[in-house]
Amino acid sequence: MFAKKPLEMEKLARLGTGLGLLDGFLGETKFSAGNNLTLADFSIVTTLSALDAVGYNLDRFPRVAEYYGECRREMKDYDAVNSKGLRLFRDTVKATLGTAV
């Protein structure tokens, strides 16, 4: 994005592969490393939030989408803390690339 280059479909496909792997790992526990939030969940949700903000369809990965929703519900003040920054990020991506993902 900062290089102002068009979206590369190969990289987008690799992102899908990575999310598919994550989708396969999720589901046996409530969060990524067990049934309690850990630092790992805050790290993962940062990426998922950015993808969601620019319109990436996380619903293609049902466990990831469910996990993302659970993190948003369980992380204290998630929306209040993140909404402004995610909106700015989304607007920057759209202005730079001319589109969302």
C-alpha atoms as a PDB file:
ATOM      1  CA  MET A   1       0.000   0.000   0.000  1.00  0.00           C
ATOM      2  CA  PHE A   2       2.705   2.485   0.954  1.00  0.00           C
ATOM      3  CA  ALA A   3       4.579   1.713  -2.273  1.00  0.00           C
ATOM      4  CA  LYS A   4       1.350   2.711  -4.058  1.00  0.00           C
ATOM      5  CA  LYS A   5       1.431  -0.447  -6.157  1.00  0.00           C
ATOM      6  CA  PRO A   6      -1.693  -2.285  -7.238  1.00  0.00           C
ATOM      7  CA  LEU A   7      -2.918  -5.203  -5.194  1.00  0.00           C
ATOM      8  CA  GLU A   8      -1.023  -8.361  -6.162  1.00  0.00           C
ATOM      9  CA  MET A   9      -3.372 -11.309  -6.590  1.00  0.00           C
ATOM     10  CA  GLU A  10      -0.610 -13.821  -5.787  1.00  0.00           C
ATOM     11  CA  LYS A  11      -0.063 -12.230  -2.390  1.00  0.00           C
ATOM     12  CA  LEU A  12      -3.790 -12.109  -1.787  1.00  0.00           C
ATOM     13  CA  ALA A  13      -3.938 -15.842  -2.559  1.00  0.00           C
ATOM     14  CA  ARG A  14      -1.130 -16.507  -0.065  1.00  0.00           C
ATOM     15  CA  LEU A  15      -3.087 -14.561   2.536  1.00  0.00           C
ATOM     16  CA  GLY A  16      -6.011 -16.883   1.885  1.00  0.00           C
ATOM     17  CA  THR A  17      -3.735 -19.881   2.333  1.00  0.00           C
ATOM     18  CA  GLY A  18      -2.540 -18.548   5.690  1.00  0.00           C
ATOM     19  CA  LEU A  19      -6.079 -17.844   6.856  1.00  0.00           C
ATOM     20  CA  GLY A  20      -7.041 -21.352   5.770  1.00  0.00           C
ATOM     21  CA  LEU A  21      -4.292 -22.751   7.981  1.00  0.00           C
ATOM     22  CA  LEU A  22      -5.459 -20.636  10.897  1.00  0.00           C
ATOM     23  CA  ASP A  23      -9.017 -21.808  10.259  1.00  0.00           C
ATOM     24  CA  GLY A  24      -7.800 -25.383  10.545  1.00  0.00           C
ATOM     25  CA  PHE A  25      -6.078 -24.742  13.873  1.00  0.00           C
ATOM     26  CA  LEU A  26      -9.027 -22.989  15.490  1.00  0.00           C
ATOM     27  CA  GLY A  27     -12.092 -24.636  16.892  1.00  0.00           C
ATOM     28  CA  GLU A  28     -10.846 -27.018  19.542  1.00  0.00           C
ATOM     29  CA  THR A  29     -10.490 -24.214  22.078  1.00  0.00           C
ATOM     30  CA  LYS A  30     -12.213 -20.878  22.473  1.00  0.00           C
ATOM     31  CA  PHE A  31      -9.078 -18.865  21.650  1.00  0.00           C
ATOM     32  CA  SER A  32      -5.843 -19.529  19.793  1.00  0.00           C
ATOM     33  CA  ALA A  33      -3.909 -20.987  22.722  1.00  0.00           C
ATOM     34  CA  GLY A  34      -6.665 -22.264  24.996  1.00  0.00           C
ATOM     35  CA  ASN A  35      -9.878 -21.086  26.569  1.00  0.00           C
ATOM     36  CA  ASN A  36      -8.518 -17.782  27.868  1.00  0.00           C
ATOM     37  CA  LEU A  37      -7.347 -14.722  25.969  1.00  0.00           C
ATOM     38  CA  THR A  38      -3.577 -14.519  25.591  1.00  0.00           C
ATOM     39  CA  LEU A  39      -1.160 -12.127  23.965  1.00  0.00           C
ATOM     40  CA  ALA A  40      -1.337 -14.334  20.875  1.00  0.00           C
ATOM     41  CA  ASP A  41      -5.040 -13.491  20.467  1.00  0.00           C
ATOM     42  CA  PHE A  42      -4.368  -9.756  20.649  1.00  0.00           C
ATOM     43  CA  SER A  43      -1.703 -10.154  17.985  1.00  0.00           C
ATOM     44  CA  ILE A  44      -3.877 -12.231  15.665  1.00  0.00           C
ATOM     45  CA  VAL A  45      -6.931 -10.000  16.091  1.00  0.00           C
ATOM     46  CA  THR A  46      -4.853  -6.999  15.019  1.00  0.00           C
ATOM     47  CA  THR A  47      -4.347  -8.565  11.600  1.00  0.00           C
ATOM     48  CA  LEU A  48      -7.943  -9.772  11.356  1.00  0.00           C
ATOM     49  CA  SER A  49      -9.210  -6.289  12.278  1.00  0.00           C
ATOM     50  CA  ALA A  50      -7.139  -4.673   9.547  1.00  0.00           C
ATOM     51  CA  LEU A  51      -8.372  -7.197   6.985  1.00  0.00           C
ATOM     52  CA  ASP A  52     -11.968  -6.689   8.071  1.00  0.00           C
ATOM     53  CA  ALA A  53     -11.584  -2.895   7.924  1.00  0.00           C
ATOM     54  CA  VAL A  54     -10.578  -3.001   4.269  1.00  0.00           C
ATOM     55  CA  GLY A  55     -13.347  -5.386   3.282  1.00  0.00           C
ATOM     56  CA  TYR A  56     -11.579  -8.738   3.187  1.00  0.00           C
ATOM     57  CA  ASN A  57     -14.216 -11.464   3.426  1.00  0.00           C
ATOM     58  CA  LEU A  58     -13.343 -13.404   6.572  1.00  0.00           C
ATOM     59  CA  ASP A  59     -16.568 -15.401   6.238  1.00  0.00           C
ATOM     60  CA  ARG A  60     -14.736 -17.672   3.778  1.00  0.00           C
ATOM     61  CA  PHE A  61     -13.024 -19.043   6.895  1.00  0.00           C
ATOM     62  CA  PRO A  62     -15.837 -19.905   9.323  1.00  0.00           C
ATOM     63  CA  ARG A  63     -13.665 -20.697  12.344  1.00  0.00           C
ATOM     64  CA  VAL A  64     -11.597 -17.551  11.812  1.00  0.00           C
ATOM     65  CA  ALA A  65     -14.762 -15.448  11.532  1.00  0.00           C
ATOM     66  CA  GLU A  66     -16.201 -17.025  14.692  1.00  0.00           C
ATOM     67  CA  TYR A  67     -12.910 -16.561  16.543  1.00  0.00           C
ATOM     68  CA  TYR A  68     -12.666 -12.926  15.417  1.00  0.00           C
ATOM     69  CA  GLY A  69     -16.185 -12.278  16.704  1.00  0.00           C
ATOM     70  CA  GLU A  70     -15.406 -13.963  20.020  1.00  0.00           C
ATOM     71  CA  CYS A  71     -12.241 -11.901  20.428  1.00  0.00           C
ATOM     72  CA  ARG A  72     -14.163  -8.703  19.722  1.00  0.00           C
ATOM     73  CA  ARG A  73     -16.751  -9.639  22.360  1.00  0.00           C
ATOM     74  CA  GLU A  74     -14.224 -10.684  24.999  1.00  0.00           C
ATOM     75  CA  MET A  75     -11.553  -8.001  24.572  1.00  0.00           C
ATOM     76  CA  LYS A  76     -12.433  -5.140  26.897  1.00  0.00           C
ATOM     77  CA  ASP A  77     -13.556  -2.017  25.016  1.00  0.00           C
ATOM     78  CA  TYR A  78     -12.470  -3.504  21.677  1.00  0.00           C
ATOM     79  CA  ASP A  79     -14.708  -1.298  19.519  1.00  0.00           C
ATOM     80  CA  ALA A  80     -14.089   1.886  21.505  1.00  0.00           C
ATOM     81  CA  VAL A  81     -10.329   1.408  21.366  1.00  0.00           C
ATOM     82  CA  ASN A  82     -10.072   0.298  17.738  1.00  0.00           C
ATOM     83  CA  SER A  83     -12.857   1.929  15.725  1.00  0.00           C
ATOM     84  CA  LYS A  84     -11.173   5.272  15.024  1.00  0.00           C
ATOM     85  CA  GLY A  85      -7.827   3.748  14.016  1.00  0.00           C
ATOM     86  CA  LEU A  86      -9.456   1.100  11.830  1.00  0.00           C
ATOM     87  CA  ARG A  87     -11.578   3.733  10.103  1.00  0.00           C
ATOM     88  CA  LEU A  88      -8.456   5.809   9.373  1.00  0.00           C
ATOM     89  CA  PHE A  89      -6.630   2.712   8.113  1.00  0.00           C
ATOM     90  CA  ARG A  90      -9.554   1.787   5.843  1.00  0.00           C
ATOM     91  CA  ASP A  91      -9.753   5.305   4.429  1.00  0.00           C
ATOM     92  CA  THR A  92      -5.984   5.366   3.808  1.00  0.00           C
ATOM     93  CA  VAL A  93      -6.088   2.028   1.992  1.00  0.00           C
ATOM     94  CA  LYS A  94      -8.993   3.140  -0.172  1.00  0.00           C
ATOM     95  CA  ALA A  95      -7.359   6.477  -0.957  1.00  0.00           C
ATOM     96  CA  THR A  96      -4.016   4.841  -1.758  1.00  0.00           C
ATOM     97  CA  LEU A  97      -5.207   1.801  -3.699  1.00  0.00           C
ATOM     98  CA  GLY A  98      -8.485   3.219  -4.950  1.00  0.00           C
ATOM     99  CA  THR A  99     -10.334   0.203  -3.590  1.00  0.00           C
ATOM    100  CA  ALA A 100     -10.670  -2.116  -0.653  1.00  0.00           C
ATOM    101  CA  VAL A 101      -9.566  -5.742  -0.732  1.00  0.00           C
END
